[in-house]
Every structure is written in structure tokens, then in C-alpha cells.
Amino acid sequence: MPRCIPAMITCFLLVLMVTQSIAEPLDDALGSYQSGNYQQAIDQWTAEANNGNAEAQYILGFMYTYGQGIPIDYDAAVKWYRLAADQGHAKAQYNLGVMYANGEGVEQDFKTSAAWFLNAAEQGHPRAQYNLGVQYANGQGLAQDYTLAAKWFAEAAGQSNANAQNNLGWLYFKGSGVQQDNVEAYAYWLLAAANESESAEQNLAMIKDQMTEAQIAEARRRAEQLNNKAE
């Protein structure tokens, strides 16, 4: 039987995206970070974070999460992520959701993680969209709802998130939250496989014998349409 990523297990990963266009005075901190002078970068980001700069607060939260130049401190990381998230910073909202999902610096709380993922997802954050889809699929902190899982997987899949593409293919194969459609499932697995999803490659091999050559050709055309739309 085709496989999704293991039982649609949540992939909660932290992300740091230090933009190259950060304006003064954060660009000095970015230069320090890129040169490996983490302590100097931390001092500069801390000064800006204390002045309410959401980007600096988000980055400082990441530094505390991974202990670059400072000891790992999940409590401090949550503090800074929350300050940035409360200002609408999508990446901080996503990372704060991860902290709640993993129980790092806070008590594990899937309901709260889903709320933060939703905030980030509505701003177009693909990993937040994917994780929200997983929580709907698994009923983690939310009522299980495959229709909403499919919705958020589709949003993330449209941004080339391989795990979302793979899971959406699984939902089409099973007919969960969407109308059962092997062609659509195959198309999304093609996209996921192109984005280096091993599970999708296995799914393609296993479903291939259940499809006609005409269906596979149609699925390839559909995958090309979806890929062009994403671009």
C-alpha cells in the first residue's frame, strides 16, 4: 500500500531566515553573525530587540534555541519569539508554534501550537501551513478534519513543500477530505518526488501498477500544470 510520511507524523522544524536586506542597524549584527562572531551579533540584536524590533526579537529567539554564542535557553527563546509573534512576525509565529508542539520552554500544547501555526499560515508561511495540515489530519489540538488538512496541505504544496505534496497525494489516494483520485495522487507524488521526497518515490512505485498508461500520462500533465502554477 502506498505510504505517506510515517502516519502523517508532524514535522516541527525551527527556521532562521536572516534576510540580506535588513536595514541599519541590524545589518551590522548580520555581518557579525555571518563572520561567526556570535557574541557581538547577540549584543547588537539584543539592543534592537529591547527597542521592540520584531526581526531582532525573532533572530534572538533562534540564537537562544540553538545556543550560538550563548547557552541554550528555551525559556528565553520563547520569550523573544512571543514578543516578535505578537507583532505579527510570521517566522516567529511559526517558531513559537514549534516550541509549543515540542514542549520546549513551555508545556506541550497542541491547541496553542495550532493557533500560532494558523497565524503564520494565513501569512503564507509554507511550513506553518504544512504543520497545521498535519495537526488537522492527526487531530492534534484540533478536531480531526481531513478537509481542512487537505486545504492547508494544498497551500503548502503550492509553495513546493515536499511533505505537503506527499501528504496531499495520500489524501487523494485515500479519498480523505477530498474526492478519491489516483491521477491527482500520482501528480502530487510526482511533485514531491521531484522535491526529493523518498516516501513519494515509494508511493509512485506502489501505485503505478494500479493505473493505466493513460492515467499516468494524465497525471504527468497535471503535475506539470501544478508546477507551472506554483512558479
Protein backbone atom coordinates (compact mmCIF):
# COMPACT_ATOMS: atom_id res chain seq x y z
CA MET A 1 0.00 0.00 0.00
CA PRO A 2 1.30 3.49 -0.75
CA ARG A 3 2.90 5.33 2.11
CA CYS A 4 2.59 8.87 3.33
CA ILE A 5 5.32 10.28 5.51
CA PRO A 6 5.12 7.99 8.56
CA ALA A 7 1.48 8.13 9.72
CA MET A 8 1.47 11.83 8.83
CA ILE A 9 3.75 12.47 11.77
CA THR A 10 4.29 16.15 12.37
CA CYS A 11 7.47 17.71 11.08
CA PHE A 12 8.15 20.52 13.51
CA LEU A 13 11.33 22.27 12.46
CA LEU A 14 12.67 25.61 13.55
CA VAL A 15 13.69 28.04 10.87
CA LEU A 16 16.03 31.00 10.87
CA MET A 17 15.88 33.22 7.83
CA VAL A 18 18.23 36.15 8.24
CA THR A 19 17.33 38.43 5.36
CA GLN A 20 20.10 40.07 3.40
CA SER A 21 18.13 43.32 3.22
CA ILE A 22 17.92 44.06 6.96
CA ALA A 23 18.28 47.82 7.34
CA GLU A 24 20.63 49.64 9.68
CA PRO A 25 21.43 48.98 12.46
CA LEU A 26 20.63 45.26 12.09
CA ASP A 27 22.97 44.84 9.13
CA ASP A 28 25.97 45.18 11.46
CA ALA A 29 24.63 42.34 13.59
CA LEU A 30 24.07 40.27 10.46
CA GLY A 31 27.67 40.85 9.42
CA SER A 32 28.88 39.75 12.83
CA TYR A 33 26.74 36.61 12.63
CA GLN A 34 27.94 35.69 9.15
CA SER A 35 31.56 36.11 10.23
CA GLY A 36 30.99 33.78 13.18
CA ASN A 37 31.21 36.47 15.85
CA TYR A 38 28.05 35.31 17.56
CA GLN A 39 28.53 37.14 20.85
CA GLN A 40 28.86 40.50 19.12
CA ALA A 41 25.84 39.72 16.98
CA ILE A 42 23.85 38.77 20.06
CA ASP A 43 24.77 42.02 21.81
CA GLN A 44 23.67 44.02 18.76
CA TRP A 45 20.44 42.07 18.27
CA THR A 46 19.64 42.27 21.97
CA ALA A 47 19.88 46.05 21.92
CA GLU A 48 17.48 46.22 18.98
CA ALA A 49 15.17 43.57 20.43
CA ASN A 50 14.86 45.58 23.64
CA ASN A 51 13.81 48.53 21.47
CA GLY A 52 10.93 46.45 20.11
CA ASN A 53 12.41 45.39 16.75
CA ALA A 54 10.46 42.25 15.79
CA GLU A 55 13.13 40.92 13.42
CA ALA A 56 15.79 41.21 16.10
CA GLN A 57 13.49 39.55 18.64
CA TYR A 58 12.87 36.67 16.24
CA ILE A 59 16.56 36.18 15.49
CA LEU A 60 17.50 36.40 19.17
CA GLY A 61 14.92 33.70 19.91
CA PHE A 62 16.64 31.47 17.36
CA MET A 63 20.07 32.11 18.86
CA TYR A 64 18.79 31.06 22.29
CA THR A 65 17.19 27.97 20.76
CA TYR A 66 20.45 26.69 19.32
CA GLY A 67 22.98 28.26 21.70
CA GLN A 68 25.05 30.17 19.17
CA GLY A 69 27.26 32.38 21.32
CA ILE A 70 25.02 31.89 24.36
CA PRO A 71 23.83 28.85 26.32
CA ILE A 72 20.71 27.17 25.00
CA ASP A 73 17.76 28.66 26.86
CA TYR A 74 14.31 27.61 25.64
CA ASP A 75 12.57 29.90 28.12
CA ALA A 76 14.41 32.92 26.70
CA ALA A 77 13.77 31.70 23.16
CA VAL A 78 10.04 31.52 23.82
CA LYS A 79 10.11 34.99 25.36
CA TRP A 80 11.69 36.57 22.29
CA TYR A 81 9.64 34.58 19.77
CA ARG A 82 6.47 35.63 21.57
CA LEU A 83 7.39 39.31 21.52
CA ALA A 84 8.01 39.15 17.78
CA ALA A 85 4.99 36.92 17.14
CA ASP A 86 2.72 39.37 18.95
CA GLN A 87 3.84 41.96 16.40
CA GLY A 88 2.72 39.71 13.54
CA HIS A 89 6.16 38.32 12.60
CA ALA A 90 5.26 35.17 10.64
CA LYS A 91 8.53 33.28 11.14
CA ALA A 92 8.43 33.97 14.88
CA GLN A 93 4.82 32.79 14.99
CA TYR A 94 5.87 29.59 13.25
CA ASN A 95 8.82 29.01 15.60
CA LEU A 96 6.67 29.73 18.64
CA GLY A 97 4.22 27.13 17.36
CA VAL A 98 7.11 24.67 17.11
CA MET A 99 8.11 25.35 20.71
CA TYR A 100 4.57 24.61 21.89
CA ALA A 101 4.34 21.48 19.72
CA ASN A 102 7.63 20.15 21.07
CA GLY A 103 7.15 21.32 24.65
CA GLU A 104 10.38 23.35 24.66
CA GLY A 105 10.37 26.30 27.04
CA VAL A 106 6.63 25.82 27.55
CA GLU A 107 4.32 22.96 28.41
CA GLN A 108 3.48 20.97 25.29
CA ASP A 109 0.19 22.29 23.98
CA PHE A 110 -1.02 21.35 20.51
CA LYS A 111 -4.01 23.66 20.71
CA THR A 112 -1.72 26.64 21.19
CA SER A 113 0.75 25.42 18.58
CA ALA A 114 -2.10 25.18 16.08
CA ALA A 115 -3.16 28.74 16.87
CA TRP A 116 0.32 30.07 16.17
CA PHE A 117 0.69 27.95 13.05
CA LEU A 118 -2.62 29.36 11.83
CA ASN A 119 -1.39 32.92 12.32
CA ALA A 120 1.75 32.19 10.30
CA ALA A 121 -0.10 30.06 7.74
CA GLU A 122 -2.51 32.88 6.97
CA GLN A 123 0.53 34.99 6.13
CA GLY A 124 1.66 32.35 3.64
CA HIS A 125 4.32 30.54 5.69
CA PRO A 126 4.58 27.12 3.98
CA ARG A 127 5.92 25.11 6.93
CA ALA A 128 3.22 26.55 9.16
CA GLN A 129 0.63 25.58 6.54
CA TYR A 130 2.07 22.08 6.42
CA ASN A 131 2.18 21.65 10.20
CA LEU A 132 -1.36 22.95 10.54
CA GLY A 133 -2.43 20.38 7.96
CA VAL A 134 -0.71 17.65 9.97
CA GLN A 135 -2.48 18.71 13.16
CA TYR A 136 -5.84 18.63 11.41
CA ALA A 137 -5.04 15.23 9.90
CA ASN A 138 -3.95 13.80 13.26
CA GLY A 139 -6.48 15.62 15.42
CA GLN A 140 -3.69 17.16 17.48
CA GLY A 141 -5.16 20.05 19.48
CA LEU A 142 -7.90 20.34 16.88
CA ALA A 143 -10.88 18.27 15.87
CA GLN A 144 -9.70 15.86 13.20
CA ASP A 145 -10.71 17.33 9.85
CA TYR A 146 -9.29 15.91 6.64
CA THR A 147 -10.95 18.61 4.55
CA LEU A 148 -9.04 21.33 6.38
CA ALA A 149 -5.92 19.16 6.36
CA ALA A 150 -6.19 18.97 2.57
CA LYS A 151 -6.74 22.73 2.36
CA TRP A 152 -3.56 23.54 4.25
CA PHE A 153 -1.51 20.82 2.57
CA ALA A 154 -2.61 22.30 -0.76
CA GLU A 155 -1.49 25.77 0.31
CA ALA A 156 1.94 24.47 1.31
CA ALA A 157 2.15 22.17 -1.71
CA GLY A 158 1.63 25.20 -3.92
CA GLN A 159 4.84 26.57 -2.44
CA SER A 160 6.75 23.37 -3.27
CA ASN A 161 6.71 21.89 0.23
CA ALA A 162 7.55 18.26 -0.49
CA ASN A 163 5.99 16.83 2.68
CA ALA A 164 2.74 18.66 1.98
CA GLN A 165 2.74 17.43 -1.61
CA ASN A 166 3.29 13.88 -0.41
CA ASN A 167 0.56 14.06 2.22
CA LEU A 168 -1.89 15.68 -0.17
CA GLY A 169 -1.23 12.85 -2.60
CA TRP A 170 -2.01 10.42 0.21
CA LEU A 171 -5.34 12.15 0.93
CA TYR A 172 -6.30 11.92 -2.74
CA PHE A 173 -5.34 8.26 -2.80
CA LYS A 174 -7.42 7.51 0.29
CA GLY A 175 -10.26 9.89 -0.55
CA SER A 176 -9.90 11.59 2.83
CA GLY A 177 -11.14 15.18 2.81
CA VAL A 178 -11.10 15.19 -0.98
CA GLN A 179 -12.68 13.07 -3.69
CA GLN A 180 -10.67 9.90 -4.28
CA ASP A 181 -8.49 10.43 -7.36
CA ASN A 182 -5.47 8.30 -8.23
CA VAL A 183 -4.46 10.68 -11.01
CA GLU A 184 -4.30 13.61 -8.61
CA ALA A 185 -2.48 11.49 -6.04
CA TYR A 186 0.10 10.43 -8.63
CA ALA A 187 0.54 14.04 -9.75
CA TYR A 188 1.27 15.29 -6.26
CA TRP A 189 3.62 12.39 -5.59
CA LEU A 190 5.48 13.28 -8.78
CA LEU A 191 5.93 16.80 -7.48
CA ALA A 192 7.02 15.58 -4.05
CA ALA A 193 9.47 13.10 -5.58
CA ALA A 194 10.94 15.90 -7.69
CA ASN A 195 11.46 17.73 -4.41
CA GLU A 196 13.40 14.74 -3.04
CA SER A 197 10.69 13.02 -1.00
CA GLU A 198 11.69 9.36 -0.66
CA SER A 199 8.22 8.47 0.62
CA ALA A 200 6.69 9.92 -2.54
CA GLU A 201 9.03 7.87 -4.70
CA GLN A 202 7.91 4.73 -2.87
CA ASN A 203 4.28 5.75 -3.27
CA LEU A 204 4.72 6.20 -7.01
CA ALA A 205 6.26 2.75 -7.37
CA MET A 206 3.46 1.12 -5.39
CA ILE A 207 0.52 2.82 -7.09
CA LYS A 208 1.87 2.55 -10.61
CA ASP A 209 0.50 -0.96 -11.17
CA GLN A 210 -2.98 0.25 -10.23
CA MET A 211 -3.05 2.83 -13.02
CA THR A 212 -3.30 2.68 -16.78
CA GLU A 213 -0.73 4.27 -19.04
CA ALA A 214 -3.33 6.88 -19.98
CA GLN A 215 -3.90 7.78 -16.32
CA ILE A 216 -0.18 8.09 -15.69
CA ALA A 217 0.19 10.33 -18.73
CA GLU A 218 -2.69 12.46 -17.46
CA ALA A 219 -1.08 12.64 -14.03
CA ARG A 220 2.17 13.84 -15.55
CA ARG A 221 0.33 16.60 -17.40
CA ARG A 222 -1.46 17.53 -14.20
CA ALA A 223 1.84 17.65 -12.29
CA GLU A 224 3.26 19.96 -14.92
CA GLN A 225 0.24 22.25 -14.59
CA LEU A 226 0.59 22.34 -10.81
CA ASN A 227 4.30 23.02 -11.05
CA ASN A 228 3.78 25.87 -13.51
CA LYS A 229 1.11 27.35 -11.24
CA ALA A 230 3.50 27.23 -8.28
CA GLU A 231 6.15 29.07 -10.27
